[in-house]
């Protein structure tokens, strides 16, 4: 069945109606917060990306409506993990290629291989050197996304080294860091963590973020509700 979602008037003009189909078996899939749609998005290879889900759980990745996946995890990046995520995802994947323990030439090789696997972009962690960013940029055509964790970090150096997009992950200081970057670089594309509430997300967008990273509930958290419902039946 097709459902028509009607939107109220905005600025005296009728907003678009968006037909929606959810089916029965997939009607309980995860949705990113609707307020993320208020950001501008970043157009990459012709596809506009506003929301990115921060997950490596293939079940979550297959059942969420985010525009893209940001696959960064606290282990040494491994091509097998990248390939598994890309093979499951229906949307672009931005693959982590290190920057902390994994660095230098290994990160460069991982980035090049991730592009061959079909990644839409590569993400480097905050400790990575500017030189390594330049070396990655020299061998890939996909965007290099540099993670920024503090306003005191040299984000100007990241941009000079060749970073195409900045990924701000500064916990509750994220809006302030985005503001600081945007003041100096009004045109650099910025992805930023949105926080746990709609208000936090809207503050980050207002600060200048073009796209928002959303952290979904874990499968354990989702299962806890399902199991409570199952137990109530018996």
Protein backbone atom coordinates (compact mmCIF):
# COMPACT_ATOMS: atom_id res chain seq x y z
CA UNK A 1 0.00 0.00 0.00
CA UNK A 2 1.22 3.51 -0.83
CA UNK A 3 0.88 6.14 1.89
CA UNK A 4 0.82 9.87 1.13
CA UNK A 5 2.49 12.01 3.77
CA UNK A 6 1.06 15.52 3.77
CA UNK A 7 3.20 18.41 4.96
CA UNK A 8 1.79 21.70 6.31
CA UNK A 9 2.16 25.07 4.68
CA UNK A 10 5.56 26.68 5.05
CA UNK A 11 6.07 30.36 4.33
CA UNK A 12 2.62 30.53 2.75
CA UNK A 13 3.47 27.85 0.19
CA UNK A 14 2.26 24.27 0.16
CA UNK A 15 5.08 21.82 0.71
CA UNK A 16 5.46 18.70 -1.40
CA UNK A 17 3.55 15.53 -0.64
CA UNK A 18 5.82 12.53 -0.55
CA UNK A 19 4.38 9.10 -1.41
CA UNK A 20 5.77 6.46 0.93
CA UNK A 21 5.78 2.67 0.81
CA UNK A 22 6.98 0.61 3.75
CA UNK A 23 5.45 -2.82 3.18
CA UNK A 24 4.69 -5.16 6.06
CA UNK A 25 7.92 -7.02 6.77
CA UNK A 26 10.06 -3.89 6.58
CA UNK A 27 7.68 -1.48 8.29
CA UNK A 28 9.78 -1.52 11.46
CA UNK A 29 13.06 -0.51 9.81
CA UNK A 30 15.11 2.26 11.40
CA UNK A 31 14.65 5.87 10.31
CA UNK A 32 17.21 8.60 10.81
CA UNK A 33 15.78 11.71 12.54
CA UNK A 34 13.66 13.65 10.06
CA UNK A 35 15.22 16.97 11.09
CA UNK A 36 18.44 15.93 9.31
CA UNK A 37 16.63 16.73 6.06
CA UNK A 38 17.04 20.44 6.92
CA UNK A 39 20.78 20.40 6.18
CA UNK A 40 22.07 21.17 2.69
CA UNK A 41 23.75 17.83 2.06
CA UNK A 42 26.98 17.18 0.18
CA UNK A 43 26.80 16.14 -3.46
CA UNK A 44 29.32 13.39 -4.20
CA UNK A 45 29.48 11.85 -7.66
CA UNK A 46 26.04 13.28 -8.38
CA UNK A 47 24.38 11.87 -5.24
CA UNK A 48 23.32 14.25 -2.47
CA UNK A 49 24.12 12.92 1.00
CA UNK A 50 22.54 14.45 4.10
CA UNK A 51 22.57 11.58 6.60
CA UNK A 52 25.27 9.03 7.34
CA UNK A 53 24.78 6.14 9.74
CA UNK A 54 27.73 5.34 11.97
CA UNK A 55 27.68 1.55 12.06
CA UNK A 56 29.45 -1.60 10.94
CA UNK A 57 26.51 -3.86 11.86
CA UNK A 58 25.35 -5.27 8.54
CA UNK A 59 21.83 -5.92 9.87
CA UNK A 60 21.50 -2.26 10.87
CA UNK A 61 23.06 -1.10 7.60
CA UNK A 62 20.56 -3.16 5.60
CA UNK A 63 17.57 -1.84 7.53
CA UNK A 64 18.06 1.90 7.91
CA UNK A 65 17.17 4.75 5.57
CA UNK A 66 20.37 6.81 5.86
CA UNK A 67 21.84 8.25 2.66
CA UNK A 68 25.26 6.70 3.32
CA UNK A 69 27.33 4.60 5.73
CA UNK A 70 30.38 5.79 7.64
CA UNK A 71 32.24 2.58 8.47
CA UNK A 72 34.81 3.49 11.10
CA UNK A 73 35.63 1.06 13.91
CA UNK A 74 38.11 0.75 16.80
CA UNK A 75 40.31 -1.91 15.19
CA UNK A 76 42.94 -1.99 12.49
CA UNK A 77 41.07 -1.42 9.20
CA UNK A 78 40.69 -4.64 7.23
CA UNK A 79 39.66 -4.93 3.57
CA UNK A 80 37.48 -7.95 4.38
CA UNK A 81 35.34 -5.80 6.69
CA UNK A 82 35.09 -3.03 4.10
CA UNK A 83 34.08 -5.53 1.43
CA UNK A 84 31.41 -7.10 3.66
CA UNK A 85 29.85 -3.71 4.39
CA UNK A 86 29.94 -2.57 0.76
CA UNK A 87 28.38 -5.85 -0.39
CA UNK A 88 25.43 -5.39 2.00
CA UNK A 89 24.87 -1.63 1.80
CA UNK A 90 22.38 -0.20 -0.69
CA UNK A 91 23.96 3.25 -0.33
CA UNK A 92 27.48 4.74 -0.57
CA UNK A 93 30.04 3.60 2.00
CA UNK A 94 32.77 5.81 3.47
CA UNK A 95 35.42 3.44 4.75
CA UNK A 96 37.83 4.06 7.59
CA UNK A 97 41.48 3.58 6.62
CA UNK A 98 43.19 4.40 9.90
CA UNK A 99 45.20 7.29 11.16
CA UNK A 100 45.91 6.18 14.72
CA UNK A 101 47.71 2.86 15.22
CA UNK A 102 47.35 2.22 11.49
CA UNK A 103 49.09 5.04 9.67
CA UNK A 104 51.51 6.00 6.94
CA UNK A 105 52.00 3.74 3.94
CA UNK A 106 49.55 1.16 5.25
CA UNK A 107 46.74 3.71 5.35
CA UNK A 108 47.63 4.77 1.81
CA UNK A 109 47.39 1.16 0.58
CA UNK A 110 44.11 0.63 2.45
CA UNK A 111 42.64 3.77 0.89
CA UNK A 112 43.63 2.74 -2.61
CA UNK A 113 42.20 -0.74 -2.09
CA UNK A 114 38.97 0.64 -0.58
CA UNK A 115 38.43 2.65 -3.77
CA UNK A 116 38.88 -0.50 -5.85
CA UNK A 117 36.36 -2.28 -3.62
CA UNK A 118 33.78 0.39 -4.38
CA UNK A 119 33.99 2.77 -1.41
CA UNK A 120 32.53 6.22 -2.06
CA UNK A 121 35.13 7.88 0.17
CA UNK A 122 37.78 7.13 2.78
CA UNK A 123 37.82 8.41 6.35
CA UNK A 124 41.04 9.11 8.26
CA UNK A 125 41.30 9.46 12.03
CA UNK A 126 42.44 12.58 13.87
CA UNK A 127 46.06 11.51 14.61
CA UNK A 128 46.94 10.96 10.95
CA UNK A 129 49.70 13.17 9.51
CA UNK A 130 49.14 15.77 6.82
CA UNK A 131 51.76 13.99 4.75
CA UNK A 132 49.76 10.76 4.78
CA UNK A 133 46.63 12.64 3.71
CA UNK A 134 48.56 14.07 0.76
CA UNK A 135 49.84 10.61 -0.16
CA UNK A 136 46.32 9.15 0.00
CA UNK A 137 44.95 11.99 -2.13
CA UNK A 138 47.65 11.30 -4.70
CA UNK A 139 46.39 7.74 -5.32
CA UNK A 140 42.60 7.96 -4.99
CA UNK A 141 39.90 9.83 -6.87
CA UNK A 142 37.27 9.41 -4.15
CA UNK A 143 37.01 12.08 -1.42
CA UNK A 144 39.28 11.98 1.60
CA UNK A 145 37.35 12.72 4.80
CA UNK A 146 39.50 13.99 7.68
CA UNK A 147 38.20 13.65 11.24
CA UNK A 148 38.37 16.74 13.47
CA UNK A 149 37.97 16.23 17.22
CA UNK A 150 38.82 19.64 18.67
CA UNK A 151 38.78 23.33 17.78
CA UNK A 152 42.50 23.42 18.60
CA UNK A 153 43.27 20.83 15.92
CA UNK A 154 44.98 22.15 12.78
CA UNK A 155 42.05 21.73 10.39
CA UNK A 156 43.63 24.27 8.03
CA UNK A 157 46.57 21.89 7.65
CA UNK A 158 44.21 19.05 6.81
CA UNK A 159 42.64 21.11 4.04
CA UNK A 160 46.03 22.18 2.66
CA UNK A 161 47.13 18.54 2.67
CA UNK A 162 44.21 17.62 0.42
CA UNK A 163 41.28 16.65 2.66
CA UNK A 164 38.08 17.13 0.67
CA UNK A 165 35.62 16.91 3.57
CA UNK A 166 35.97 17.48 7.32
CA UNK A 167 34.23 15.08 9.70
CA UNK A 168 33.67 16.82 13.04
CA UNK A 169 33.31 14.49 16.01
CA UNK A 170 33.72 16.56 19.17
CA UNK A 171 30.91 15.24 21.40
CA UNK A 172 28.95 18.12 22.98
CA UNK A 173 31.43 20.65 21.55
CA UNK A 174 30.63 19.70 17.95
CA UNK A 175 28.51 22.80 17.12
CA UNK A 176 31.24 25.10 18.44
CA UNK A 177 33.94 23.32 16.42
CA UNK A 178 31.78 23.46 13.28
CA UNK A 179 31.29 27.18 13.85
CA UNK A 180 35.05 27.71 14.19
CA UNK A 181 35.76 25.84 10.97
CA UNK A 182 32.97 27.55 9.06
CA UNK A 183 34.23 30.98 10.14
CA UNK A 184 37.58 30.33 8.51
CA UNK A 185 36.50 28.07 5.64
CA UNK A 186 32.96 28.97 4.53
CA UNK A 187 32.93 26.53 1.60
CA UNK A 188 34.56 23.35 2.96
CA UNK A 189 32.07 20.46 3.14
CA UNK A 190 31.45 19.43 6.77
CA UNK A 191 30.02 16.21 8.15
CA UNK A 192 29.29 16.34 11.89
CA UNK A 193 27.89 14.16 14.62
CA UNK A 194 24.39 15.30 15.41
CA UNK A 195 23.95 14.27 19.01
CA UNK A 196 21.13 12.37 20.72
CA UNK A 197 18.24 14.82 20.26
CA UNK A 198 16.62 16.77 17.44
CA UNK A 199 17.64 19.99 19.17
CA UNK A 200 21.30 18.92 19.16
CA UNK A 201 21.11 18.03 15.48
CA UNK A 202 19.48 21.34 14.56
CA UNK A 203 22.14 23.25 16.53
CA UNK A 204 24.85 21.44 14.58
CA UNK A 205 23.13 22.19 11.26
CA UNK A 206 22.71 25.85 12.24
CA UNK A 207 26.43 25.98 13.03
CA UNK A 208 27.17 25.07 9.42
CA UNK A 209 27.22 21.28 9.06
CA UNK A 210 26.27 20.08 5.57
CA UNK A 211 25.60 16.47 6.58
CA UNK A 212 24.91 14.68 9.86
CA UNK A 213 26.23 11.41 11.23
CA UNK A 214 23.62 9.41 13.17
CA UNK A 215 24.45 6.67 15.65
CA UNK A 216 21.59 4.13 15.65
CA UNK A 217 20.55 1.95 18.59
CA UNK A 218 22.42 -1.34 18.83
CA UNK A 219 20.85 -4.66 17.87
CA UNK A 220 20.90 -5.52 21.59
CA UNK A 221 18.83 -2.45 22.42
CA UNK A 222 16.38 -3.19 19.63
CA UNK A 223 16.08 -6.82 20.66
CA UNK A 224 15.32 -5.90 24.27
CA UNK A 225 12.03 -4.26 23.22
CA UNK A 226 11.15 -7.08 20.83
CA UNK A 227 11.78 -9.70 23.51
CA UNK A 228 9.66 -7.80 26.04
CA UNK A 229 6.81 -7.82 23.53
CA UNK A 230 7.32 -11.54 22.88
CA UNK A 231 7.33 -12.38 26.59
CA UNK A 232 4.10 -10.42 27.07
CA UNK A 233 2.36 -12.82 24.69
CA UNK A 234 2.93 -15.87 26.88
